[in-house]
Amino acid sequence: MQTIDLTRPGRTEFLSPVLVGCVGSGDLEVLIESAPEPVASISIKTSVVGSEVRWQQIVDAVDTDLELPAMKMSIHDFGATPGVIRLRMEQALELARKQEVPA
């Protein structure tokens, strides 16, 4: 297993904790927690050694399209394709942003 840690500037916004996906053959799970500082911190544990460039490109694309919020994102990957990675990241972000803001 390899760990890849990426950071990007993040917009401050309310996020609910979210877990999507499951670790299994060719899939991954994404966990999102809000963060107090304006940084998107992404920690990836992957079975695919040497995939840093691929992960950087995917995170850059998601950031460009969805403007990453301030958060802690943990990804556990078991050989997912780039399409599945992006789908799960977008799904997690959409769910985290949809939740009600506490009163």
PDB file of N, CA and C in Angstrom:
ATOM      1  N   MET A   1       0.845  -1.186   0.000  1.00  0.00           N
ATOM      2  CA  MET A   1       0.000   0.000   0.000  1.00  0.00           C
ATOM      3  C   MET A   1       0.885   1.242   0.000  1.00  0.00           C
ATOM      4  N   GLN A   2       0.442   2.237  -0.703  1.00  0.00           N
ATOM      5  CA  GLN A   2       1.140   3.511  -0.783  1.00  0.00           C
ATOM      6  C   GLN A   2       0.199   4.600  -0.286  1.00  0.00           C
ATOM      7  N   THR A   3       0.747   5.595   0.404  1.00  0.00           N
ATOM      8  CA  THR A   3      -0.032   6.739   0.855  1.00  0.00           C
ATOM      9  C   THR A   3       0.411   7.974   0.086  1.00  0.00           C
ATOM     10  N   ILE A   4      -0.557   8.694  -0.446  1.00  0.00           N
ATOM     11  CA  ILE A   4      -0.313   9.939  -1.181  1.00  0.00           C
ATOM     12  C   ILE A   4      -1.085  11.031  -0.462  1.00  0.00           C
ATOM     13  N   ASP A   5      -0.413  12.098  -0.087  1.00  0.00           N
ATOM     14  CA  ASP A   5      -1.063  13.230   0.578  1.00  0.00           C
ATOM     15  C   ASP A   5      -1.002  14.444  -0.335  1.00  0.00           C
ATOM     16  N   LEU A   6      -2.170  15.021  -0.626  1.00  0.00           N
ATOM     17  CA  LEU A   6      -2.275  16.195  -1.482  1.00  0.00           C
ATOM     18  C   LEU A   6      -3.018  17.293  -0.731  1.00  0.00           C
ATOM     19  N   THR A   7      -2.660  18.534  -0.980  1.00  0.00           N
ATOM     20  CA  THR A   7      -3.393  19.659  -0.400  1.00  0.00           C
ATOM     21  C   THR A   7      -3.657  20.693  -1.480  1.00  0.00           C
ATOM     22  N   ARG A   8      -4.780  21.358  -1.328  1.00  0.00           N
ATOM     23  CA  ARG A   8      -5.190  22.437  -2.215  1.00  0.00           C
ATOM     24  C   ARG A   8      -5.844  23.500  -1.344  1.00  0.00           C
ATOM     25  N   PRO A   9      -5.882  24.747  -1.795  1.00  0.00           N
ATOM     26  CA  PRO A   9      -6.686  25.731  -1.068  1.00  0.00           C
ATOM     27  C   PRO A   9      -8.146  25.285  -1.104  1.00  0.00           C
ATOM     28  N   GLY A  10      -8.854  25.528  -0.011  1.00  0.00           N
ATOM     29  CA  GLY A  10     -10.255  25.111   0.045  1.00  0.00           C
ATOM     30  C   GLY A  10     -11.152  26.248   0.492  1.00  0.00           C
ATOM     31  N   ARG A  11     -12.347  26.299  -0.076  1.00  0.00           N
ATOM     32  CA  ARG A  11     -13.332  27.308   0.313  1.00  0.00           C
ATOM     33  C   ARG A  11     -13.988  26.888   1.618  1.00  0.00           C
ATOM     34  N   THR A  12     -14.207  27.848   2.493  1.00  0.00           N
ATOM     35  CA  THR A  12     -14.886  27.556   3.748  1.00  0.00           C
ATOM     36  C   THR A  12     -16.381  27.432   3.469  1.00  0.00           C
ATOM     37  N   GLU A  13     -16.942  26.291   3.823  1.00  0.00           N
ATOM     38  CA  GLU A  13     -18.381  26.053   3.688  1.00  0.00           C
ATOM     39  C   GLU A  13     -18.756  24.898   4.608  1.00  0.00           C
ATOM     40  N   PHE A  14     -20.049  24.802   4.918  1.00  0.00           N
ATOM     41  CA  PHE A  14     -20.506  23.723   5.785  1.00  0.00           C
ATOM     42  C   PHE A  14     -20.531  22.412   5.012  1.00  0.00           C
ATOM     43  N   LEU A  15     -19.939  21.371   5.594  1.00  0.00           N
ATOM     44  CA  LEU A  15     -19.984  20.026   5.028  1.00  0.00           C
ATOM     45  C   LEU A  15     -20.403  19.050   6.113  1.00  0.00           C
ATOM     46  N   SER A  16     -21.257  18.137   5.760  1.00  0.00           N
ATOM     47  CA  SER A  16     -21.588  17.036   6.665  1.00  0.00           C
ATOM     48  C   SER A  16     -20.602  15.909   6.432  1.00  0.00           C
ATOM     49  N   PRO A  17     -20.301  15.136   7.471  1.00  0.00           N
ATOM     50  CA  PRO A  17     -19.455  13.961   7.260  1.00  0.00           C
ATOM     51  C   PRO A  17     -20.159  12.979   6.327  1.00  0.00           C
ATOM     52  N   VAL A  18     -19.398  12.410   5.407  1.00  0.00           N
ATOM     53  CA  VAL A  18     -19.970  11.509   4.402  1.00  0.00           C
ATOM     54  C   VAL A  18     -18.996  10.367   4.139  1.00  0.00           C
ATOM     55  N   LEU A  19     -19.554   9.174   3.903  1.00  0.00           N
ATOM     56  CA  LEU A  19     -18.770   8.025   3.459  1.00  0.00           C
ATOM     57  C   LEU A  19     -19.504   7.416   2.276  1.00  0.00           C
ATOM     58  N   VAL A  20     -18.805   7.294   1.134  1.00  0.00           N
ATOM     59  CA  VAL A  20     -19.398   6.659  -0.048  1.00  0.00           C
ATOM     60  C   VAL A  20     -18.448   5.595  -0.580  1.00  0.00           C
ATOM     61  N   GLY A  21     -19.025   4.612  -1.257  1.00  0.00           N
ATOM     62  CA  GLY A  21     -18.230   3.557  -1.863  1.00  0.00           C
ATOM     63  C   GLY A  21     -17.833   2.500  -0.856  1.00  0.00           C
ATOM     64  N   CYS A  22     -17.116   1.517  -1.363  1.00  0.00           N
ATOM     65  CA  CYS A  22     -16.585   0.467  -0.504  1.00  0.00           C
ATOM     66  C   CYS A  22     -15.281  -0.023  -1.114  1.00  0.00           C
ATOM     67  N   VAL A  23     -14.384  -0.451  -0.266  1.00  0.00           N
ATOM     68  CA  VAL A  23     -13.114  -0.969  -0.736  1.00  0.00           C
ATOM     69  C   VAL A  23     -13.344  -2.415  -1.157  1.00  0.00           C
ATOM     70  N   GLY A  24     -13.018  -2.713  -2.353  1.00  0.00           N
ATOM     71  CA  GLY A  24     -13.174  -4.056  -2.898  1.00  0.00           C
ATOM     72  C   GLY A  24     -12.492  -4.092  -4.245  1.00  0.00           C
ATOM     73  N   SER A  25     -12.613  -5.150  -4.934  1.00  0.00           N
ATOM     74  CA  SER A  25     -11.949  -5.310  -6.219  1.00  0.00           C
ATOM     75  C   SER A  25     -12.353  -4.205  -7.183  1.00  0.00           C
ATOM     76  N   GLY A  26     -11.412  -3.348  -7.523  1.00  0.00           N
ATOM     77  CA  GLY A  26     -11.637  -2.300  -8.497  1.00  0.00           C
ATOM     78  C   GLY A  26     -12.473  -1.141  -8.019  1.00  0.00           C
ATOM     79  N   ASP A  27     -12.582  -0.919  -6.739  1.00  0.00           N
ATOM     80  CA  ASP A  27     -13.402   0.184  -6.234  1.00  0.00           C
ATOM     81  C   ASP A  27     -12.649   0.923  -5.133  1.00  0.00           C
ATOM     82  N   LEU A  28     -13.285   1.927  -4.573  1.00  0.00           N
ATOM     83  CA  LEU A  28     -12.679   2.682  -3.494  1.00  0.00           C
ATOM     84  C   LEU A  28     -13.759   3.307  -2.629  1.00  0.00           C
ATOM     85  N   GLU A  29     -13.348   3.792  -1.450  1.00  0.00           N
ATOM     86  CA  GLU A  29     -14.258   4.527  -0.586  1.00  0.00           C
ATOM     87  C   GLU A  29     -13.684   5.905  -0.348  1.00  0.00           C
ATOM     88  N   VAL A  30     -14.598   6.862  -0.156  1.00  0.00           N
ATOM     89  CA  VAL A  30     -14.219   8.245   0.087  1.00  0.00           C
ATOM     90  C   VAL A  30     -14.930   8.707   1.352  1.00  0.00           C
ATOM     91  N   LEU A  31     -14.177   9.244   2.291  1.00  0.00           N
ATOM     92  CA  LEU A  31     -14.702   9.799   3.532  1.00  0.00           C
ATOM     93  C   LEU A  31     -14.388  11.287   3.536  1.00  0.00           C
ATOM     94  N   ILE A  32     -15.396  12.103   3.818  1.00  0.00           N
ATOM     95  CA  ILE A  32     -15.202  13.553   3.899  1.00  0.00           C
ATOM     96  C   ILE A  32     -15.597  14.033   5.287  1.00  0.00           C
ATOM     97  N   GLU A  33     -14.739  14.875   5.864  1.00  0.00           N
ATOM     98  CA  GLU A  33     -15.008  15.571   7.122  1.00  0.00           C
ATOM     99  C   GLU A  33     -14.686  17.042   6.895  1.00  0.00           C
ATOM    100  N   SER A  34     -15.426  17.926   7.531  1.00  0.00           N
ATOM    101  CA  SER A  34     -15.119  19.350   7.381  1.00  0.00           C
ATOM    102  C   SER A  34     -13.825  19.681   8.122  1.00  0.00           C
ATOM    103  N   ALA A  35     -13.190  20.761   7.716  1.00  0.00           N
ATOM    104  CA  ALA A  35     -11.937  21.195   8.340  1.00  0.00           C
ATOM    105  C   ALA A  35     -12.042  22.680   8.681  1.00  0.00           C
ATOM    106  N   PRO A  36     -11.483  23.091   9.810  1.00  0.00           N
ATOM    107  CA  PRO A  36     -11.595  24.489  10.222  1.00  0.00           C
ATOM    108  C   PRO A  36     -10.717  25.438   9.404  1.00  0.00           C
ATOM    109  N   GLU A  37      -9.602  24.959   8.889  1.00  0.00           N
ATOM    110  CA  GLU A  37      -8.718  25.818   8.116  1.00  0.00           C
ATOM    111  C   GLU A  37      -9.098  25.740   6.636  1.00  0.00           C
ATOM    112  N   PRO A  38      -8.829  26.790   5.848  1.00  0.00           N
ATOM    113  CA  PRO A  38      -9.247  26.830   4.443  1.00  0.00           C
ATOM    114  C   PRO A  38      -8.338  25.999   3.522  1.00  0.00           C
ATOM    115  N   VAL A  39      -8.235  24.715   3.819  1.00  0.00           N
ATOM    116  CA  VAL A  39      -7.370  23.817   3.060  1.00  0.00           C
ATOM    117  C   VAL A  39      -8.135  22.527   2.785  1.00  0.00           C
ATOM    118  N   ALA A  40      -8.035  22.046   1.554  1.00  0.00           N
ATOM    119  CA  ALA A  40      -8.550  20.725   1.210  1.00  0.00           C
ATOM    120  C   ALA A  40      -7.382  19.755   1.333  1.00  0.00           C
ATOM    121  N   SER A  41      -7.456  18.900   2.332  1.00  0.00           N
ATOM    122  CA  SER A  41      -6.407  17.926   2.604  1.00  0.00           C
ATOM    123  C   SER A  41      -6.916  16.553   2.165  1.00  0.00           C
ATOM    124  N   ILE A  42      -6.201  15.938   1.229  1.00  0.00           N
ATOM    125  CA  ILE A  42      -6.642  14.668   0.662  1.00  0.00           C
ATOM    126  C   ILE A  42      -5.570  13.617   0.918  1.00  0.00           C
ATOM    127  N   SER A  43      -5.955  12.567   1.631  1.00  0.00           N
ATOM    128  CA  SER A  43      -5.040  11.475   1.931  1.00  0.00           C
ATOM    129  C   SER A  43      -5.537  10.223   1.214  1.00  0.00           C
ATOM    130  N   ILE A  44      -4.674   9.659   0.375  1.00  0.00           N
ATOM    131  CA  ILE A  44      -5.046   8.511  -0.447  1.00  0.00           C
ATOM    132  C   ILE A  44      -4.192   7.318  -0.047  1.00  0.00           C
ATOM    133  N   LYS A  45      -4.841   6.232   0.286  1.00  0.00           N
ATOM    134  CA  LYS A  45      -4.146   4.965   0.507  1.00  0.00           C
ATOM    135  C   LYS A  45      -4.538   4.081  -0.677  1.00  0.00           C
ATOM    136  N   THR A  46      -3.534   3.677  -1.464  1.00  0.00           N
ATOM    137  CA  THR A  46      -3.810   2.955  -2.691  1.00  0.00           C
ATOM    138  C   THR A  46      -2.962   1.696  -2.825  1.00  0.00           C
ATOM    139  N   SER A  47      -3.524   0.708  -3.491  1.00  0.00           N
ATOM    140  CA  SER A  47      -2.787  -0.515  -3.773  1.00  0.00           C
ATOM    141  C   SER A  47      -1.954  -0.373  -5.050  1.00  0.00           C
ATOM    142  N   VAL A  48      -2.135   0.740  -5.776  1.00  0.00           N
ATOM    143  CA  VAL A  48      -1.434   0.965  -7.039  1.00  0.00           C
ATOM    144  C   VAL A  48      -0.201   1.828  -6.779  1.00  0.00           C
ATOM    145  N   VAL A  49       0.943   1.191  -6.652  1.00  0.00           N
ATOM    146  CA  VAL A  49       2.192   1.900  -6.384  1.00  0.00           C
ATOM    147  C   VAL A  49       2.608   2.691  -7.630  1.00  0.00           C
ATOM    148  N   GLY A  50       3.077   3.927  -7.416  1.00  0.00           N
ATOM    149  CA  GLY A  50       3.548   4.759  -8.517  1.00  0.00           C
ATOM    150  C   GLY A  50       2.443   5.520  -9.232  1.00  0.00           C
ATOM    151  N   SER A  51       1.315   5.748  -8.567  1.00  0.00           N
ATOM    152  CA  SER A  51       0.178   6.410  -9.223  1.00  0.00           C
ATOM    153  C   SER A  51       0.005   7.873  -8.813  1.00  0.00           C
ATOM    154  N   GLU A  52       1.069   8.500  -8.299  1.00  0.00           N
ATOM    155  CA  GLU A  52       0.958   9.882  -7.814  1.00  0.00           C
ATOM    156  C   GLU A  52       0.493  10.847  -8.893  1.00  0.00           C
ATOM    157  N   VAL A  53       1.057  10.744 -10.092  1.00  0.00           N
ATOM    158  CA  VAL A  53       0.714  11.677 -11.171  1.00  0.00           C
ATOM    159  C   VAL A  53      -0.758  11.534 -11.540  1.00  0.00           C
ATOM    160  N   ARG A  54      -1.228  10.308 -11.642  1.00  0.00           N
ATOM    161  CA  ARG A  54      -2.645  10.074 -11.960  1.00  0.00           C
ATOM    162  C   ARG A  54      -3.547  10.714 -10.912  1.00  0.00           C
ATOM    163  N   TRP A  55      -3.225  10.517  -9.636  1.00  0.00           N
ATOM    164  CA  TRP A  55      -4.037  11.096  -8.557  1.00  0.00           C
ATOM    165  C   TRP A  55      -3.994  12.616  -8.587  1.00  0.00           C
ATOM    166  N   GLN A  56      -2.825  13.203  -8.818  1.00  0.00           N
ATOM    167  CA  GLN A  56      -2.729  14.666  -8.899  1.00  0.00           C
ATOM    168  C   GLN A  56      -3.598  15.205 -10.031  1.00  0.00           C
ATOM    169  N   GLN A  57      -3.590  14.541 -11.175  1.00  0.00           N
ATOM    170  CA  GLN A  57      -4.401  14.980 -12.307  1.00  0.00           C
ATOM    171  C   GLN A  57      -5.894  14.880 -12.008  1.00  0.00           C
ATOM    172  N   ILE A  58      -6.308  13.819 -11.369  1.00  0.00           N
ATOM    173  CA  ILE A  58      -7.728  13.655 -11.040  1.00  0.00           C
ATOM    174  C   ILE A  58      -8.168  14.705 -10.025  1.00  0.00           C
ATOM    175  N   VAL A  59      -7.378  14.909  -8.982  1.00  0.00           N
ATOM    176  CA  VAL A  59      -7.725  15.917  -7.963  1.00  0.00           C
ATOM    177  C   VAL A  59      -7.740  17.305  -8.593  1.00  0.00           C
ATOM    178  N   ASP A  60      -6.789  17.616  -9.454  1.00  0.00           N
ATOM    179  CA  ASP A  60      -6.784  18.915 -10.141  1.00  0.00           C
ATOM    180  C   ASP A  60      -8.058  19.109 -10.963  1.00  0.00           C
ATOM    181  N   ALA A  61      -8.485  18.071 -11.680  1.00  0.00           N
ATOM    182  CA  ALA A  61      -9.691  18.157 -12.509  1.00  0.00           C
ATOM    183  C   ALA A  61     -10.933  18.368 -11.654  1.00  0.00           C
ATOM    184  N   VAL A  62     -11.043  17.634 -10.550  1.00  0.00           N
ATOM    185  CA  VAL A  62     -12.196  17.790  -9.657  1.00  0.00           C
ATOM    186  C   VAL A  62     -12.188  19.185  -9.037  1.00  0.00           C
ATOM    187  N   ASP A  63     -11.022  19.675  -8.644  1.00  0.00           N
ATOM    188  CA  ASP A  63     -10.911  21.009  -8.059  1.00  0.00           C
ATOM    189  C   ASP A  63     -11.323  22.076  -9.072  1.00  0.00           C
ATOM    190  N   THR A  64     -10.888  21.937 -10.310  1.00  0.00           N
ATOM    191  CA  THR A  64     -11.245  22.902 -11.348  1.00  0.00           C
ATOM    192  C   THR A  64     -12.751  22.946 -11.568  1.00  0.00           C
ATOM    193  N   ASP A  65     -13.395  21.790 -11.603  1.00  0.00           N
ATOM    194  CA  ASP A  65     -14.825  21.724 -11.892  1.00  0.00           C
ATOM    195  C   ASP A  65     -15.718  22.017 -10.690  1.00  0.00           C
ATOM    196  N   LEU A  66     -15.295  21.633  -9.486  1.00  0.00           N
ATOM    197  CA  LEU A  66     -16.173  21.722  -8.320  1.00  0.00           C
ATOM    198  C   LEU A  66     -15.673  22.635  -7.203  1.00  0.00           C
ATOM    199  N   GLU A  67     -14.517  23.253  -7.352  1.00  0.00           N
ATOM    200  CA  GLU A  67     -13.937  24.109  -6.316  1.00  0.00           C
ATOM    201  C   GLU A  67     -13.964  23.404  -4.961  1.00  0.00           C
ATOM    202  N   LEU A  68     -12.882  22.755  -4.638  1.00  0.00           N
ATOM    203  CA  LEU A  68     -12.818  21.972  -3.412  1.00  0.00           C
ATOM    204  C   LEU A  68     -13.069  22.824  -2.176  1.00  0.00           C
ATOM    205  N   PRO A  69     -13.865  22.313  -1.243  1.00  0.00           N
ATOM    206  CA  PRO A  69     -14.096  23.020   0.009  1.00  0.00           C
ATOM    207  C   PRO A  69     -12.981  22.716   1.011  1.00  0.00           C
ATOM    208  N   ALA A  70     -12.974  23.468   2.100  1.00  0.00           N
ATOM    209  CA  ALA A  70     -12.073  23.151   3.217  1.00  0.00           C
ATOM    210  C   ALA A  70     -12.556  21.833   3.798  1.00  0.00           C
ATOM    211  N   MET A  71     -11.686  20.819   3.781  1.00  0.00           N
ATOM    212  CA  MET A  71     -12.117  19.490   4.215  1.00  0.00           C
ATOM    213  C   MET A  71     -10.922  18.588   4.436  1.00  0.00           C
ATOM    214  N   LYS A  72     -11.226  17.473   5.079  1.00  0.00           N
ATOM    215  CA  LYS A  72     -10.301  16.347   5.148  1.00  0.00           C
ATOM    216  C   LYS A  72     -10.973  15.232   4.358  1.00  0.00           C
ATOM    217  N   MET A  73     -10.329  14.807   3.279  1.00  0.00           N
ATOM    218  CA  MET A  73     -10.858  13.712   2.467  1.00  0.00           C
ATOM    219  C   MET A  73      -9.902  12.537   2.584  1.00  0.00           C
ATOM    220  N   SER A  74     -10.436  11.401   2.966  1.00  0.00           N
ATOM    221  CA  SER A  74      -9.649  10.169   3.045  1.00  0.00           C
ATOM    222  C   SER A  74     -10.172   9.222   1.978  1.00  0.00           C
ATOM    223  N   ILE A  75      -9.258   8.703   1.168  1.00  0.00           N
ATOM    224  CA  ILE A  75      -9.622   7.791   0.096  1.00  0.00           C
ATOM    225  C   ILE A  75      -8.868   6.487   0.305  1.00  0.00           C
ATOM    226  N   HIS A  76      -9.595   5.386   0.249  1.00  0.00           N
ATOM    227  CA  HIS A  76      -9.000   4.049   0.324  1.00  0.00           C
ATOM    228  C   HIS A  76      -9.283   3.376  -1.013  1.00  0.00           C
ATOM    229  N   ASP A  77      -8.227   3.164  -1.796  1.00  0.00           N
ATOM    230  CA  ASP A  77      -8.348   2.701  -3.170  1.00  0.00           C
ATOM    231  C   ASP A  77      -7.850   1.269  -3.316  1.00  0.00           C
ATOM    232  N   PHE A  78      -8.601   0.502  -4.093  1.00  0.00           N
ATOM    233  CA  PHE A  78      -8.173  -0.862  -4.399  1.00  0.00           C
ATOM    234  C   PHE A  78      -8.167  -1.044  -5.915  1.00  0.00           C
ATOM    235  N   GLY A  79      -7.424  -0.156  -6.601  1.00  0.00           N
ATOM    236  CA  GLY A  79      -7.247  -0.270  -8.044  1.00  0.00           C
ATOM    237  C   GLY A  79      -8.377   0.280  -8.880  1.00  0.00           C
ATOM    238  N   ALA A  80      -9.089   1.290  -8.382  1.00  0.00           N
ATOM    239  CA  ALA A  80     -10.187   1.884  -9.144  1.00  0.00           C
ATOM    240  C   ALA A  80      -9.665   2.611 -10.384  1.00  0.00           C
ATOM    241  N   THR A  81     -10.485   2.630 -11.420  1.00  0.00           N
ATOM    242  CA  THR A  81     -10.139   3.358 -12.638  1.00  0.00           C
ATOM    243  C   THR A  81     -10.343   4.852 -12.405  1.00  0.00           C
ATOM    244  N   PRO A  82      -9.716   5.709 -13.221  1.00  0.00           N
ATOM    245  CA  PRO A  82      -9.912   7.156 -13.058  1.00  0.00           C
ATOM    246  C   PRO A  82     -11.385   7.580 -13.094  1.00  0.00           C
ATOM    247  N   GLY A  83     -12.192   6.941 -13.928  1.00  0.00           N
ATOM    248  CA  GLY A  83     -13.619   7.276 -13.974  1.00  0.00           C
ATOM    249  C   GLY A  83     -14.338   6.983 -12.674  1.00  0.00           C
ATOM    250  N   VAL A  84     -14.038   5.857 -12.064  1.00  0.00           N
ATOM    251  CA  VAL A  84     -14.648   5.494 -10.777  1.00  0.00           C
ATOM    252  C   VAL A  84     -14.157   6.432  -9.683  1.00  0.00           C
ATOM    253  N   ILE A  85     -12.871   6.768  -9.720  1.00  0.00           N
ATOM    254  CA  ILE A  85     -12.313   7.695  -8.718  1.00  0.00           C
ATOM    255  C   ILE A  85     -13.063   9.015  -8.759  1.00  0.00           C
ATOM    256  N   ARG A  86     -13.176   9.579  -9.948  1.00  0.00           N
ATOM    257  CA  ARG A  86     -13.846  10.874 -10.084  1.00  0.00           C
ATOM    258  C   ARG A  86     -15.317  10.779  -9.677  1.00  0.00           C
ATOM    259  N   LEU A  87     -15.990   9.727 -10.091  1.00  0.00           N
ATOM    260  CA  LEU A  87     -17.391   9.528  -9.721  1.00  0.00           C
ATOM    261  C   LEU A  87     -17.566   9.517  -8.211  1.00  0.00           C
ATOM    262  N   ARG A  88     -16.756   8.756  -7.498  1.00  0.00           N
ATOM    263  CA  ARG A  88     -16.874   8.664  -6.038  1.00  0.00           C
ATOM    264  C   ARG A  88     -16.534   9.997  -5.369  1.00  0.00           C
ATOM    265  N   MET A  89     -15.499  10.692  -5.858  1.00  0.00           N
ATOM    266  CA  MET A  89     -15.159  11.988  -5.266  1.00  0.00           C
ATOM    267  C   MET A  89     -16.306  12.980  -5.450  1.00  0.00           C
ATOM    268  N   GLU A  90     -16.859  13.039  -6.645  1.00  0.00           N
ATOM    269  CA  GLU A  90     -17.969  13.958  -6.914  1.00  0.00           C
ATOM    270  C   GLU A  90     -19.209  13.574  -6.118  1.00  0.00           C
ATOM    271  N   GLN A  91     -19.478  12.280  -6.013  1.00  0.00           N
ATOM    272  CA  GLN A  91     -20.621  11.804  -5.235  1.00  0.00           C
ATOM    273  C   GLN A  91     -20.479  12.212  -3.771  1.00  0.00           C
ATOM    274  N   ALA A  92     -19.300  12.024  -3.197  1.00  0.00           N
ATOM    275  CA  ALA A  92     -19.068  12.384  -1.794  1.00  0.00           C
ATOM    276  C   ALA A  92     -19.221  13.885  -1.582  1.00  0.00           C
ATOM    277  N   LEU A  93     -18.655  14.681  -2.473  1.00  0.00           N
ATOM    278  CA  LEU A  93     -18.771  16.138  -2.333  1.00  0.00           C
ATOM    279  C   LEU A  93     -20.221  16.596  -2.447  1.00  0.00           C
ATOM    280  N   GLU A  94     -20.974  16.028  -3.387  1.00  0.00           N
ATOM    281  CA  GLU A  94     -22.372  16.399  -3.538  1.00  0.00           C
ATOM    282  C   GLU A  94     -23.170  16.078  -2.280  1.00  0.00           C
ATOM    283  N   LEU A  95     -22.972  14.888  -1.729  1.00  0.00           N
ATOM    284  CA  LEU A  95     -23.687  14.512  -0.508  1.00  0.00           C
ATOM    285  C   LEU A  95     -23.277  15.363   0.681  1.00  0.00           C
ATOM    286  N   ALA A  96     -22.000  15.657   0.822  1.00  0.00           N
ATOM    287  CA  ALA A  96     -21.523  16.465   1.950  1.00  0.00           C
ATOM    288  C   ALA A  96     -22.084  17.882   1.892  1.00  0.00           C
ATOM    289  N   ARG A  97     -22.270  18.393   0.691  1.00  0.00           N
ATOM    290  CA  ARG A  97     -22.796  19.761   0.535  1.00  0.00           C
ATOM    291  C   ARG A  97     -24.317  19.821   0.654  1.00  0.00           C
ATOM    292  N   LYS A  98     -25.020  18.732   0.452  1.00  0.00           N
ATOM    293  CA  LYS A  98     -26.491  18.715   0.466  1.00  0.00           C
ATOM    294  C   LYS A  98     -27.078  18.717   1.864  1.00  0.00           C
ATOM    295  N   GLN A  99     -26.350  18.284   2.834  1.00  0.00           N
ATOM    296  CA  GLN A  99     -26.896  18.123   4.174  1.00  0.00           C
ATOM    297  C   GLN A  99     -27.310  19.470   4.751  1.00  0.00           C
ATOM    298  N   GLU A 100     -28.254  19.423   5.658  1.00  0.00           N
ATOM    299  CA  GLU A 100     -28.773  20.636   6.304  1.00  0.00           C
ATOM    300  C   GLU A 100     -27.718  21.282   7.200  1.00  0.00           C
ATOM    301  N   VAL A 101     -27.675  22.596   7.177  1.00  0.00           N
ATOM    302  CA  VAL A 101     -26.808  23.345   8.098  1.00  0.00           C
ATOM    303  C   VAL A 101     -27.469  23.315   9.465  1.00  0.00           C
ATOM    304  N   PRO A 102     -26.707  22.925  10.519  1.00  0.00           N
ATOM    305  CA  PRO A 102     -27.324  22.860  11.856  1.00  0.00           C
ATOM    306  C   PRO A 102     -27.785  24.230  12.334  1.00  0.00           C
ATOM    307  N   ALA A 103     -28.909  24.251  13.036  1.00  0.00           N
ATOM    308  CA  ALA A 103     -29.479  25.519  13.535  1.00  0.00           C
ATOM    309  C   ALA A 103     -28.757  25.983  14.771  1.00  0.00           C
TER     310      ALA A 103
END
